[in-house]
């Protein structure tokens, strides 16, 4: 398990999509790690992304901005971003900010992949 102040982003290909799995915390000190993972996929023209947030335990406004911009950038390239496996804490953040209304959020990875 990652140190509570750290962030790692694993990725895997599944069903013609890329699944990004951030682990730990996303905040202003490490948001560039998440940005880099997204940018790498966009530059490789991989435009079907699933963000599996099962191991994410904190996200700041900077992290939320990266997710929102990823969804918009993917849509502009004819792709889509979907989100799944939100913990109760992350789900509350999405609800408070309204992100659950503007992003495609699903209960599990299978449903997220099916929504692409």
PDB file of N, CA and C in Angstrom:
ATOM      1  N   UNK A   1       0.848  -1.190   0.000  1.00  0.00           N
ATOM      2  CA  UNK A   1       0.000   0.000   0.000  1.00  0.00           C
ATOM      3  C   UNK A   1       0.886   1.242   0.000  1.00  0.00           C
ATOM      4  N   UNK A   2       0.443   2.249  -0.696  1.00  0.00           N
ATOM      5  CA  UNK A   2       1.226   3.473  -0.826  1.00  0.00           C
ATOM      6  C   UNK A   2       1.229   4.267   0.477  1.00  0.00           C
ATOM      7  N   UNK A   3       2.297   4.976   0.702  1.00  0.00           N
ATOM      8  CA  UNK A   3       2.387   5.929   1.802  1.00  0.00           C
ATOM      9  C   UNK A   3       1.214   6.896   1.658  1.00  0.00           C
ATOM     10  N   UNK A   4       0.622   7.314   2.755  1.00  0.00           N
ATOM     11  CA  UNK A   4      -0.600   8.113   2.696  1.00  0.00           C
ATOM     12  C   UNK A   4      -0.427   9.424   1.932  1.00  0.00           C
ATOM     13  N   UNK A   5       0.773   9.986   1.881  1.00  0.00           N
ATOM     14  CA  UNK A   5       0.959  11.244   1.170  1.00  0.00           C
ATOM     15  C   UNK A   5       1.441  11.024  -0.255  1.00  0.00           C
ATOM     16  N   UNK A   6       1.563   9.783  -0.685  1.00  0.00           N
ATOM     17  CA  UNK A   6       2.098   9.515  -2.013  1.00  0.00           C
ATOM     18  C   UNK A   6       0.991   9.174  -2.998  1.00  0.00           C
ATOM     19  N   UNK A   7       1.375   9.166  -4.257  1.00  0.00           N
ATOM     20  CA  UNK A   7       0.465   8.805  -5.327  1.00  0.00           C
ATOM     21  C   UNK A   7       1.213   7.953  -6.327  1.00  0.00           C
ATOM     22  N   UNK A   8       0.613   6.857  -6.721  1.00  0.00           N
ATOM     23  CA  UNK A   8       1.093   6.074  -7.854  1.00  0.00           C
ATOM     24  C   UNK A   8      -0.088   5.888  -8.795  1.00  0.00           C
ATOM     25  N   UNK A   9       0.217   5.722 -10.069  1.00  0.00           N
ATOM     26  CA  UNK A   9      -0.839   5.494 -11.056  1.00  0.00           C
ATOM     27  C   UNK A   9      -0.443   4.293 -11.904  1.00  0.00           C
ATOM     28  N   UNK A  10      -1.100   3.182 -11.661  1.00  0.00           N
ATOM     29  CA  UNK A  10      -0.883   1.983 -12.468  1.00  0.00           C
ATOM     30  C   UNK A  10      -1.823   2.041 -13.665  1.00  0.00           C
ATOM     31  N   UNK A  11      -1.446   1.352 -14.732  1.00  0.00           N
ATOM     32  CA  UNK A  11      -2.335   1.292 -15.892  1.00  0.00           C
ATOM     33  C   UNK A  11      -2.318  -0.110 -16.471  1.00  0.00           C
ATOM     34  N   UNK A  12      -3.424  -0.448 -17.080  1.00  0.00           N
ATOM     35  CA  UNK A  12      -3.531  -1.733 -17.757  1.00  0.00           C
ATOM     36  C   UNK A  12      -4.503  -1.586 -18.910  1.00  0.00           C
ATOM     37  N   UNK A  13      -4.311  -2.409 -19.922  1.00  0.00           N
ATOM     38  CA  UNK A  13      -5.240  -2.396 -21.044  1.00  0.00           C
ATOM     39  C   UNK A  13      -6.275  -3.484 -20.828  1.00  0.00           C
ATOM     40  N   UNK A  14      -7.518  -3.137 -21.090  1.00  0.00           N
ATOM     41  CA  UNK A  14      -8.614  -4.082 -20.916  1.00  0.00           C
ATOM     42  C   UNK A  14      -9.723  -3.738 -21.899  1.00  0.00           C
ATOM     43  N   UNK A  15     -10.140  -4.708 -22.685  1.00  0.00           N
ATOM     44  CA  UNK A  15     -11.264  -4.525 -23.618  1.00  0.00           C
ATOM     45  C   UNK A  15     -11.108  -3.278 -24.487  1.00  0.00           C
ATOM     46  N   UNK A  16      -9.959  -3.116 -25.136  1.00  0.00           N
ATOM     47  CA  UNK A  16      -9.712  -1.993 -26.039  1.00  0.00           C
ATOM     48  C   UNK A  16      -9.800  -0.634 -25.327  1.00  0.00           C
ATOM     49  N   UNK A  17      -9.517  -0.646 -24.048  1.00  0.00           N
ATOM     50  CA  UNK A  17      -9.499   0.591 -23.263  1.00  0.00           C
ATOM     51  C   UNK A  17      -8.284   0.553 -22.343  1.00  0.00           C
ATOM     52  N   UNK A  18      -7.962   1.692 -21.792  1.00  0.00           N
ATOM     53  CA  UNK A  18      -6.897   1.768 -20.794  1.00  0.00           C
ATOM     54  C   UNK A  18      -7.542   2.078 -19.453  1.00  0.00           C
ATOM     55  N   UNK A  19      -7.162   1.308 -18.448  1.00  0.00           N
ATOM     56  CA  UNK A  19      -7.656   1.521 -17.093  1.00  0.00           C
ATOM     57  C   UNK A  19      -6.529   2.150 -16.287  1.00  0.00           C
ATOM     58  N   UNK A  20      -6.759   3.343 -15.772  1.00  0.00           N
ATOM     59  CA  UNK A  20      -5.798   4.015 -14.893  1.00  0.00           C
ATOM     60  C   UNK A  20      -6.261   3.828 -13.456  1.00  0.00           C
ATOM     61  N   UNK A  21      -5.341   3.389 -12.607  1.00  0.00           N
ATOM     62  CA  UNK A  21      -5.665   3.081 -11.213  1.00  0.00           C
ATOM     63  C   UNK A  21      -4.779   3.895 -10.278  1.00  0.00           C
ATOM     64  N   UNK A  22      -5.200   5.105  -9.920  1.00  0.00           N
ATOM     65  CA  UNK A  22      -4.415   5.884  -8.959  1.00  0.00           C
ATOM     66  C   UNK A  22      -4.553   5.305  -7.549  1.00  0.00           C
ATOM     67  N   UNK A  23      -3.439   5.271  -6.844  1.00  0.00           N
ATOM     68  CA  UNK A  23      -3.414   4.755  -5.475  1.00  0.00           C
ATOM     69  C   UNK A  23      -2.848   5.821  -4.556  1.00  0.00           C
ATOM     70  N   UNK A  24      -3.525   6.083  -3.456  1.00  0.00           N
ATOM     71  CA  UNK A  24      -3.046   7.052  -2.473  1.00  0.00           C
ATOM     72  C   UNK A  24      -3.858   8.327  -2.498  1.00  0.00           C
ATOM     73  N   UNK A  25      -3.146   9.451  -2.529  1.00  0.00           N
ATOM     74  CA  UNK A  25      -3.755  10.774  -2.454  1.00  0.00           C
ATOM     75  C   UNK A  25      -3.356  11.602  -3.664  1.00  0.00           C
ATOM     76  N   UNK A  26      -4.301  12.361  -4.189  1.00  0.00           N
ATOM     77  CA  UNK A  26      -3.995  13.338  -5.233  1.00  0.00           C
ATOM     78  C   UNK A  26      -4.176  14.713  -4.613  1.00  0.00           C
ATOM     79  N   UNK A  27      -3.092  15.474  -4.586  1.00  0.00           N
ATOM     80  CA  UNK A  27      -3.166  16.845  -4.070  1.00  0.00           C
ATOM     81  C   UNK A  27      -2.222  17.727  -4.874  1.00  0.00           C
ATOM     82  N   UNK A  28      -2.100  18.959  -4.467  1.00  0.00           N
ATOM     83  CA  UNK A  28      -1.287  19.917  -5.203  1.00  0.00           C
ATOM     84  C   UNK A  28       0.180  19.554  -5.299  1.00  0.00           C
ATOM     85  N   UNK A  29       0.665  18.735  -4.379  1.00  0.00           N
ATOM     86  CA  UNK A  29       2.088  18.382  -4.398  1.00  0.00           C
ATOM     87  C   UNK A  29       2.414  17.269  -5.381  1.00  0.00           C
ATOM     88  N   UNK A  30       1.406  16.500  -5.803  1.00  0.00           N
ATOM     89  CA  UNK A  30       1.703  15.369  -6.678  1.00  0.00           C
ATOM     90  C   UNK A  30       0.745  15.239  -7.863  1.00  0.00           C
ATOM     91  N   UNK A  31      -0.085  16.229  -8.090  1.00  0.00           N
ATOM     92  CA  UNK A  31      -1.074  16.154  -9.158  1.00  0.00           C
ATOM     93  C   UNK A  31      -0.422  15.967 -10.523  1.00  0.00           C
ATOM     94  N   UNK A  32       0.823  16.392 -10.681  1.00  0.00           N
ATOM     95  CA  UNK A  32       1.500  16.234 -11.968  1.00  0.00           C
ATOM     96  C   UNK A  32       1.706  14.761 -12.325  1.00  0.00           C
ATOM     97  N   UNK A  33       1.727  13.887 -11.335  1.00  0.00           N
ATOM     98  CA  UNK A  33       1.841  12.450 -11.613  1.00  0.00           C
ATOM     99  C   UNK A  33       0.592  11.976 -12.360  1.00  0.00           C
ATOM    100  N   UNK A  34      -0.566  12.362 -11.874  1.00  0.00           N
ATOM    101  CA  UNK A  34      -1.819  11.993 -12.531  1.00  0.00           C
ATOM    102  C   UNK A  34      -1.927  12.668 -13.894  1.00  0.00           C
ATOM    103  N   UNK A  35      -1.560  13.944 -13.965  1.00  0.00           N
ATOM    104  CA  UNK A  35      -1.576  14.668 -15.236  1.00  0.00           C
ATOM    105  C   UNK A  35      -0.707  13.967 -16.265  1.00  0.00           C
ATOM    106  N   UNK A  36       0.477  13.549 -15.848  1.00  0.00           N
ATOM    107  CA  UNK A  36       1.403  12.877 -16.757  1.00  0.00           C
ATOM    108  C   UNK A  36       0.844  11.569 -17.282  1.00  0.00           C
ATOM    109  N   UNK A  37       0.185  10.808 -16.423  1.00  0.00           N
ATOM    110  CA  UNK A  37      -0.404   9.533 -16.846  1.00  0.00           C
ATOM    111  C   UNK A  37      -1.496   9.763 -17.890  1.00  0.00           C
ATOM    112  N   UNK A  38      -2.304  10.787 -17.686  1.00  0.00           N
ATOM    113  CA  UNK A  38      -3.365  11.107 -18.641  1.00  0.00           C
ATOM    114  C   UNK A  38      -2.759  11.618 -19.942  1.00  0.00           C
ATOM    115  N   UNK A  39      -1.807  12.527 -19.847  1.00  0.00           N
ATOM    116  CA  UNK A  39      -1.175  13.105 -21.036  1.00  0.00           C
ATOM    117  C   UNK A  39      -0.525  12.017 -21.893  1.00  0.00           C
ATOM    118  N   UNK A  40       0.129  11.072 -21.229  1.00  0.00           N
ATOM    119  CA  UNK A  40       0.772   9.964 -21.940  1.00  0.00           C
ATOM    120  C   UNK A  40      -0.247   9.192 -22.780  1.00  0.00           C
ATOM    121  N   UNK A  41      -1.412   8.956 -22.242  1.00  0.00           N
ATOM    122  CA  UNK A  41      -2.459   8.231 -22.974  1.00  0.00           C
ATOM    123  C   UNK A  41      -3.009   9.066 -24.120  1.00  0.00           C
ATOM    124  N   UNK A  42      -3.204  10.353 -23.897  1.00  0.00           N
ATOM    125  CA  UNK A  42      -3.701  11.222 -24.959  1.00  0.00           C
ATOM    126  C   UNK A  42      -2.701  11.301 -26.103  1.00  0.00           C
ATOM    127  N   UNK A  43      -1.422  11.429 -25.776  1.00  0.00           N
ATOM    128  CA  UNK A  43      -0.391  11.513 -26.810  1.00  0.00           C
ATOM    129  C   UNK A  43      -0.279  10.217 -27.597  1.00  0.00           C
ATOM    130  N   UNK A  44      -0.641   9.099 -26.985  1.00  0.00           N
ATOM    131  CA  UNK A  44      -0.620   7.800 -27.668  1.00  0.00           C
ATOM    132  C   UNK A  44      -1.954   7.517 -28.371  1.00  0.00           C
ATOM    133  N   UNK A  45      -2.820   8.525 -28.414  1.00  0.00           N
ATOM    134  CA  UNK A  45      -4.149   8.408 -29.029  1.00  0.00           C
ATOM    135  C   UNK A  45      -4.987   7.292 -28.417  1.00  0.00           C
ATOM    136  N   UNK A  46      -4.781   7.052 -27.144  1.00  0.00           N
ATOM    137  CA  UNK A  46      -5.623   6.107 -26.412  1.00  0.00           C
ATOM    138  C   UNK A  46      -6.722   6.936 -25.761  1.00  0.00           C
ATOM    139  N   UNK A  47      -7.900   6.890 -26.365  1.00  0.00           N
ATOM    140  CA  UNK A  47      -8.953   7.828 -25.972  1.00  0.00           C
ATOM    141  C   UNK A  47     -10.136   7.166 -25.276  1.00  0.00           C
ATOM    142  N   UNK A  48      -9.975   5.926 -24.864  1.00  0.00           N
ATOM    143  CA  UNK A  48     -11.010   5.248 -24.072  1.00  0.00           C
ATOM    144  C   UNK A  48     -10.379   4.934 -22.722  1.00  0.00           C
ATOM    145  N   UNK A  49     -10.653   5.789 -21.736  1.00  0.00           N
ATOM    146  CA  UNK A  49     -10.019   5.647 -20.427  1.00  0.00           C
ATOM    147  C   UNK A  49     -11.040   5.364 -19.337  1.00  0.00           C
ATOM    148  N   UNK A  50     -10.672   4.411 -18.490  1.00  0.00           N
ATOM    149  CA  UNK A  50     -11.423   4.132 -17.271  1.00  0.00           C
ATOM    150  C   UNK A  50     -10.536   4.550 -16.109  1.00  0.00           C
ATOM    151  N   UNK A  51     -11.050   5.370 -15.233  1.00  0.00           N
ATOM    152  CA  UNK A  51     -10.346   5.727 -14.007  1.00  0.00           C
ATOM    153  C   UNK A  51     -10.947   4.878 -12.891  1.00  0.00           C
ATOM    154  N   UNK A  52     -10.210   3.851 -12.470  1.00  0.00           N
ATOM    155  CA  UNK A  52     -10.664   2.976 -11.385  1.00  0.00           C
ATOM    156  C   UNK A  52     -10.116   3.559 -10.087  1.00  0.00           C
ATOM    157  N   UNK A  53     -10.986   4.150  -9.286  1.00  0.00           N
ATOM    158  CA  UNK A  53     -10.571   4.923  -8.113  1.00  0.00           C
ATOM    159  C   UNK A  53     -10.663   4.138  -6.809  1.00  0.00           C
ATOM    160  N   UNK A  54     -10.673   2.824  -6.894  1.00  0.00           N
ATOM    161  CA  UNK A  54     -10.850   1.982  -5.709  1.00  0.00           C
ATOM    162  C   UNK A  54      -9.768   2.218  -4.652  1.00  0.00           C
ATOM    163  N   UNK A  55      -8.545   2.550  -5.069  1.00  0.00           N
ATOM    164  CA  UNK A  55      -7.438   2.748  -4.125  1.00  0.00           C
ATOM    165  C   UNK A  55      -7.129   4.220  -3.866  1.00  0.00           C
ATOM    166  N   UNK A  56      -7.974   5.110  -4.356  1.00  0.00           N
ATOM    167  CA  UNK A  56      -7.771   6.543  -4.131  1.00  0.00           C
ATOM    168  C   UNK A  56      -8.460   6.931  -2.831  1.00  0.00           C
ATOM    169  N   UNK A  57      -7.705   7.498  -1.881  1.00  0.00           N
ATOM    170  CA  UNK A  57      -8.323   7.835  -0.599  1.00  0.00           C
ATOM    171  C   UNK A  57      -8.474   9.339  -0.361  1.00  0.00           C
ATOM    172  N   UNK A  58      -7.970  10.173  -1.275  1.00  0.00           N
ATOM    173  CA  UNK A  58      -8.135  11.623  -1.136  1.00  0.00           C
ATOM    174  C   UNK A  58      -7.914  12.257  -2.498  1.00  0.00           C
ATOM    175  N   UNK A  59      -8.701  13.281  -2.811  1.00  0.00           N
ATOM    176  CA  UNK A  59      -8.475  14.056  -4.026  1.00  0.00           C
ATOM    177  C   UNK A  59      -8.763  15.523  -3.733  1.00  0.00           C
ATOM    178  N   UNK A  60      -7.823  16.382  -4.094  1.00  0.00           N
ATOM    179  CA  UNK A  60      -7.976  17.824  -3.890  1.00  0.00           C
ATOM    180  C   UNK A  60      -8.644  18.441  -5.114  1.00  0.00           C
ATOM    181  N   UNK A  61      -8.889  19.733  -5.041  1.00  0.00           N
ATOM    182  CA  UNK A  61      -9.474  20.431  -6.186  1.00  0.00           C
ATOM    183  C   UNK A  61      -8.548  20.358  -7.396  1.00  0.00           C
ATOM    184  N   UNK A  62      -7.242  20.333  -7.173  1.00  0.00           N
ATOM    185  CA  UNK A  62      -6.292  20.199  -8.285  1.00  0.00           C
ATOM    186  C   UNK A  62      -6.473  18.853  -8.981  1.00  0.00           C
ATOM    187  N   UNK A  63      -6.686  17.813  -8.208  1.00  0.00           N
ATOM    188  CA  UNK A  63      -6.920  16.493  -8.781  1.00  0.00           C
ATOM    189  C   UNK A  63      -8.240  16.423  -9.524  1.00  0.00           C
ATOM    190  N   UNK A  64      -9.270  17.036  -8.964  1.00  0.00           N
ATOM    191  CA  UNK A  64     -10.570  17.076  -9.634  1.00  0.00           C
ATOM    192  C   UNK A  64     -10.460  17.783 -10.977  1.00  0.00           C
ATOM    193  N   UNK A  65      -9.677  18.841 -11.011  1.00  0.00           N
ATOM    194  CA  UNK A  65      -9.490  19.579 -12.262  1.00  0.00           C
ATOM    195  C   UNK A  65      -8.849  18.688 -13.314  1.00  0.00           C
ATOM    196  N   UNK A  66      -7.854  17.880 -12.926  1.00  0.00           N
ATOM    197  CA  UNK A  66      -7.207  16.967 -13.875  1.00  0.00           C
ATOM    198  C   UNK A  66      -8.233  15.981 -14.442  1.00  0.00           C
ATOM    199  N   UNK A  67      -9.090  15.437 -13.586  1.00  0.00           N
ATOM    200  CA  UNK A  67     -10.100  14.488 -14.056  1.00  0.00           C
ATOM    201  C   UNK A  67     -11.082  15.151 -15.015  1.00  0.00           C
ATOM    202  N   UNK A  68     -11.524  16.356 -14.678  1.00  0.00           N
ATOM    203  CA  UNK A  68     -12.456  17.076 -15.538  1.00  0.00           C
ATOM    204  C   UNK A  68     -11.819  17.403 -16.883  1.00  0.00           C
ATOM    205  N   UNK A  69     -10.585  17.890 -16.864  1.00  0.00           N
ATOM    206  CA  UNK A  69      -9.895  18.227 -18.108  1.00  0.00           C
ATOM    207  C   UNK A  69      -9.633  16.976 -18.938  1.00  0.00           C
ATOM    208  N   UNK A  70      -9.329  15.862 -18.290  1.00  0.00           N
ATOM    209  CA  UNK A  70      -9.129  14.601 -19.020  1.00  0.00           C
ATOM    210  C   UNK A  70     -10.407  14.220 -19.757  1.00  0.00           C
ATOM    211  N   UNK A  71     -11.536  14.306 -19.074  1.00  0.00           N
ATOM    212  CA  UNK A  71     -12.811  13.961 -19.705  1.00  0.00           C
ATOM    213  C   UNK A  71     -13.091  14.880 -20.891  1.00  0.00           C
ATOM    214  N   UNK A  72     -12.840  16.160 -20.730  1.00  0.00           N
ATOM    215  CA  UNK A  72     -13.084  17.113 -21.824  1.00  0.00           C
ATOM    216  C   UNK A  72     -12.124  16.885 -22.985  1.00  0.00           C
ATOM    217  N   UNK A  73     -10.847  16.671 -22.689  1.00  0.00           N
ATOM    218  CA  UNK A  73      -9.855  16.441 -23.743  1.00  0.00           C
ATOM    219  C   UNK A  73     -10.152  15.157 -24.510  1.00  0.00           C
ATOM    220  N   UNK A  74     -10.540  14.118 -23.793  1.00  0.00           N
ATOM    221  CA  UNK A  74     -10.876  12.853 -24.453  1.00  0.00           C
ATOM    222  C   UNK A  74     -12.097  13.020 -25.343  1.00  0.00           C
ATOM    223  N   UNK A  75     -13.090  13.730 -24.859  1.00  0.00           N
ATOM    224  CA  UNK A  75     -14.291  13.961 -25.654  1.00  0.00           C
ATOM    225  C   UNK A  75     -13.946  14.743 -26.921  1.00  0.00           C
ATOM    226  N   UNK A  76     -13.062  15.714 -26.810  1.00  0.00           N
ATOM    227  CA  UNK A  76     -12.651  16.512 -27.963  1.00  0.00           C
ATOM    228  C   UNK A  76     -11.938  15.658 -29.008  1.00  0.00           C
ATOM    229  N   UNK A  77     -11.320  14.561 -28.566  1.00  0.00           N
ATOM    230  CA  UNK A  77     -10.622  13.659 -29.490  1.00  0.00           C
ATOM    231  C   UNK A  77     -11.499  12.481 -29.911  1.00  0.00           C
ATOM    232  N   UNK A  78     -12.788  12.542 -29.609  1.00  0.00           N
ATOM    233  CA  UNK A  78     -13.695  11.478 -29.992  1.00  0.00           C
ATOM    234  C   UNK A  78     -13.688  10.298 -29.042  1.00  0.00           C
ATOM    235  N   UNK A  79     -13.131  10.487 -27.865  1.00  0.00           N
ATOM    236  CA  UNK A  79     -13.058   9.410 -26.884  1.00  0.00           C
ATOM    237  C   UNK A  79     -13.958   9.667 -25.701  1.00  0.00           C
ATOM    238  N   UNK A  80     -13.657   8.964 -24.620  1.00  0.00           N
ATOM    239  CA  UNK A  80     -14.493   9.096 -23.430  1.00  0.00           C
ATOM    240  C   UNK A  80     -13.705   8.681 -22.201  1.00  0.00           C
ATOM    241  N   UNK A  81     -14.001   9.329 -21.087  1.00  0.00           N
ATOM    242  CA  UNK A  81     -13.465   8.938 -19.782  1.00  0.00           C
ATOM    243  C   UNK A  81     -14.635   8.511 -18.915  1.00  0.00           C
ATOM    244  N   UNK A  82     -14.456   7.405 -18.219  1.00  0.00           N
ATOM    245  CA  UNK A  82     -15.458   6.945 -17.263  1.00  0.00           C
ATOM    246  C   UNK A  82     -14.754   6.653 -15.944  1.00  0.00           C
ATOM    247  N   UNK A  83     -15.512   6.696 -14.868  1.00  0.00           N
ATOM    248  CA  UNK A  83     -14.950   6.579 -13.525  1.00  0.00           C
ATOM    249  C   UNK A  83     -15.698   5.486 -12.778  1.00  0.00           C
ATOM    250  N   UNK A  84     -14.970   4.725 -11.966  1.00  0.00           N
ATOM    251  CA  UNK A  84     -15.630   3.646 -11.237  1.00  0.00           C
ATOM    252  C   UNK A  84     -14.965   3.385  -9.891  1.00  0.00           C
ATOM    253  N   UNK A  85     -15.678   2.605  -9.086  1.00  0.00           N
ATOM    254  CA  UNK A  85     -15.179   2.143  -7.787  1.00  0.00           C
ATOM    255  C   UNK A  85     -14.793   3.283  -6.850  1.00  0.00           C
ATOM    256  N   UNK A  86     -15.644   4.296  -6.771  1.00  0.00           N
ATOM    257  CA  UNK A  86     -15.376   5.404  -5.862  1.00  0.00           C
ATOM    258  C   UNK A  86     -15.626   4.968  -4.422  1.00  0.00           C
ATOM    259  N   UNK A  87     -14.680   5.282  -3.547  1.00  0.00           N
ATOM    260  CA  UNK A  87     -14.901   5.044  -2.119  1.00  0.00           C
ATOM    261  C   UNK A  87     -15.991   6.002  -1.645  1.00  0.00           C
ATOM    262  N   UNK A  88     -16.510   5.773  -0.469  1.00  0.00           N
ATOM    263  CA  UNK A  88     -17.550   6.657   0.062  1.00  0.00           C
ATOM    264  C   UNK A  88     -17.041   8.097   0.149  1.00  0.00           C
ATOM    265  N   UNK A  89     -15.801   8.276   0.587  1.00  0.00           N
ATOM    266  CA  UNK A  89     -15.236   9.623   0.714  1.00  0.00           C
ATOM    267  C   UNK A  89     -15.109  10.303  -0.651  1.00  0.00           C
ATOM    268  N   UNK A  90     -14.597   9.596  -1.635  1.00  0.00           N
ATOM    269  CA  UNK A  90     -14.440  10.178  -2.972  1.00  0.00           C
ATOM    270  C   UNK A  90     -15.814  10.406  -3.597  1.00  0.00           C
ATOM    271  N   UNK A  91     -16.742   9.500  -3.387  1.00  0.00           N
ATOM    272  CA  UNK A  91     -18.106   9.675  -3.900  1.00  0.00           C
ATOM    273  C   UNK A  91     -18.730  10.954  -3.328  1.00  0.00           C
ATOM    274  N   UNK A  92     -18.522  11.213  -2.034  1.00  0.00           N
ATOM    275  CA  UNK A  92     -19.054  12.432  -1.423  1.00  0.00           C
ATOM    276  C   UNK A  92     -18.450  13.673  -2.067  1.00  0.00           C
ATOM    277  N   UNK A  93     -17.161  13.639  -2.347  1.00  0.00           N
ATOM    278  CA  UNK A  93     -16.510  14.776  -3.012  1.00  0.00           C
ATOM    279  C   UNK A  93     -17.135  14.988  -4.393  1.00  0.00           C
ATOM    280  N   UNK A  94     -17.339  13.902  -5.141  1.00  0.00           N
ATOM    281  CA  UNK A  94     -17.964  14.008  -6.458  1.00  0.00           C
ATOM    282  C   UNK A  94     -19.376  14.588  -6.338  1.00  0.00           C
ATOM    283  N   UNK A  95     -20.132  14.168  -5.337  1.00  0.00           N
ATOM    284  CA  UNK A  95     -21.501  14.663  -5.166  1.00  0.00           C
ATOM    285  C   UNK A  95     -21.519  16.134  -4.767  1.00  0.00           C
ATOM    286  N   UNK A  96     -20.660  16.525  -3.834  1.00  0.00           N
ATOM    287  CA  UNK A  96     -20.611  17.917  -3.372  1.00  0.00           C
ATOM    288  C   UNK A  96     -20.231  18.863  -4.506  1.00  0.00           C
ATOM    289  N   UNK A  97     -19.292  18.430  -5.342  1.00  0.00           N
ATOM    290  CA  UNK A  97     -18.820  19.272  -6.441  1.00  0.00           C
ATOM    291  C   UNK A  97     -19.693  19.180  -7.687  1.00  0.00           C
ATOM    292  N   UNK A  98     -20.615  18.223  -7.709  1.00  0.00           N
ATOM    293  CA  UNK A  98     -21.450  18.030  -8.885  1.00  0.00           C
ATOM    294  C   UNK A  98     -20.793  17.192  -9.969  1.00  0.00           C
ATOM    295  N   UNK A  99     -19.610  16.673  -9.703  1.00  0.00           N
ATOM    296  CA  UNK A  99     -18.913  15.865 -10.699  1.00  0.00           C
ATOM    297  C   UNK A  99     -19.685  14.591 -11.027  1.00  0.00           C
ATOM    298  N   UNK A 100     -20.465  14.090 -10.081  1.00  0.00           N
ATOM    299  CA  UNK A 100     -21.259  12.885 -10.346  1.00  0.00           C
ATOM    300  C   UNK A 100     -22.337  13.149 -11.394  1.00  0.00           C
ATOM    301  N   UNK A 101     -22.659  14.420 -11.634  1.00  0.00           N
ATOM    302  CA  UNK A 101     -23.662  14.783 -12.634  1.00  0.00           C
ATOM    303  C   UNK A 101     -23.039  15.051 -14.005  1.00  0.00           C
ATOM    304  N   UNK A 102     -21.773  15.463 -14.032  1.00  0.00           N
ATOM    305  CA  UNK A 102     -21.159  15.834 -15.311  1.00  0.00           C
ATOM    306  C   UNK A 102     -20.165  14.801 -15.830  1.00  0.00           C
ATOM    307  N   UNK A 103     -19.763  13.858 -14.989  1.00  0.00           N
ATOM    308  CA  UNK A 103     -18.864  12.790 -15.417  1.00  0.00           C
ATOM    309  C   UNK A 103     -19.619  11.464 -15.390  1.00  0.00           C
ATOM    310  N   UNK A 104     -19.129  10.518 -16.143  1.00  0.00           N
ATOM    311  CA  UNK A 104     -19.740   9.190 -16.217  1.00  0.00           C
ATOM    312  C   UNK A 104     -19.178   8.328 -15.087  1.00  0.00           C
ATOM    313  N   UNK A 105     -19.980   8.122 -14.034  1.00  0.00           N
ATOM    314  CA  UNK A 105     -19.535   7.413 -12.828  1.00  0.00           C
ATOM    315  C   UNK A 105     -20.303   6.096 -12.708  1.00  0.00           C
ATOM    316  N   UNK A 106     -19.567   5.020 -12.438  1.00  0.00           N
ATOM    317  CA  UNK A 106     -20.153   3.681 -12.375  1.00  0.00           C
ATOM    318  C   UNK A 106     -19.690   2.952 -11.123  1.00  0.00           C
ATOM    319  N   UNK A 107     -20.485   1.991 -10.691  1.00  0.00           N
ATOM    320  CA  UNK A 107     -20.204   1.269  -9.459  1.00  0.00           C
ATOM    321  C   UNK A 107     -19.040   0.305  -9.543  1.00  0.00           C
ATOM    322  N   UNK A 108     -18.792  -0.235 -10.750  1.00  0.00           N
ATOM    323  CA  UNK A 108     -17.700  -1.197 -10.885  1.00  0.00           C
ATOM    324  C   UNK A 108     -17.053  -1.076 -12.260  1.00  0.00           C
ATOM    325  N   UNK A 109     -15.925  -1.752 -12.411  1.00  0.00           N
ATOM    326  CA  UNK A 109     -15.148  -1.646 -13.643  1.00  0.00           C
ATOM    327  C   UNK A 109     -15.910  -2.206 -14.844  1.00  0.00           C
ATOM    328  N   UNK A 110     -16.616  -3.290 -14.665  1.00  0.00           N
ATOM    329  CA  UNK A 110     -17.351  -3.896 -15.777  1.00  0.00           C
ATOM    330  C   UNK A 110     -18.384  -2.923 -16.338  1.00  0.00           C
ATOM    331  N   UNK A 111     -19.123  -2.266 -15.456  1.00  0.00           N
ATOM    332  CA  UNK A 111     -20.111  -1.284 -15.907  1.00  0.00           C
ATOM    333  C   UNK A 111     -19.430  -0.094 -16.579  1.00  0.00           C
ATOM    334  N   UNK A 112     -18.289   0.318 -16.054  1.00  0.00           N
ATOM    335  CA  UNK A 112     -17.554   1.435 -16.645  1.00  0.00           C
ATOM    336  C   UNK A 112     -17.087   1.080 -18.054  1.00  0.00           C
ATOM    337  N   UNK A 113     -16.527  -0.107 -18.220  1.00  0.00           N
ATOM    338  CA  UNK A 113     -16.074  -0.541 -19.548  1.00  0.00           C
ATOM    339  C   UNK A 113     -17.242  -0.624 -20.523  1.00  0.00           C
ATOM    340  N   UNK A 114     -18.376  -1.099 -20.053  1.00  0.00           N
ATOM    341  CA  UNK A 114     -19.555  -1.205 -20.915  1.00  0.00           C
ATOM    342  C   UNK A 114     -20.068   0.167 -21.348  1.00  0.00           C
ATOM    343  N   UNK A 115     -19.781   1.202 -20.566  1.00  0.00           N
ATOM    344  CA  UNK A 115     -20.258   2.556 -20.867  1.00  0.00           C
ATOM    345  C   UNK A 115     -19.385   3.283 -21.887  1.00  0.00           C
ATOM    346  N   UNK A 116     -18.242   2.712 -22.226  1.00  0.00           N
ATOM    347  CA  UNK A 116     -17.347   3.377 -23.178  1.00  0.00           C
ATOM    348  C   UNK A 116     -17.868   3.291 -24.602  1.00  0.00           C
TER     349      UNK A 116
END
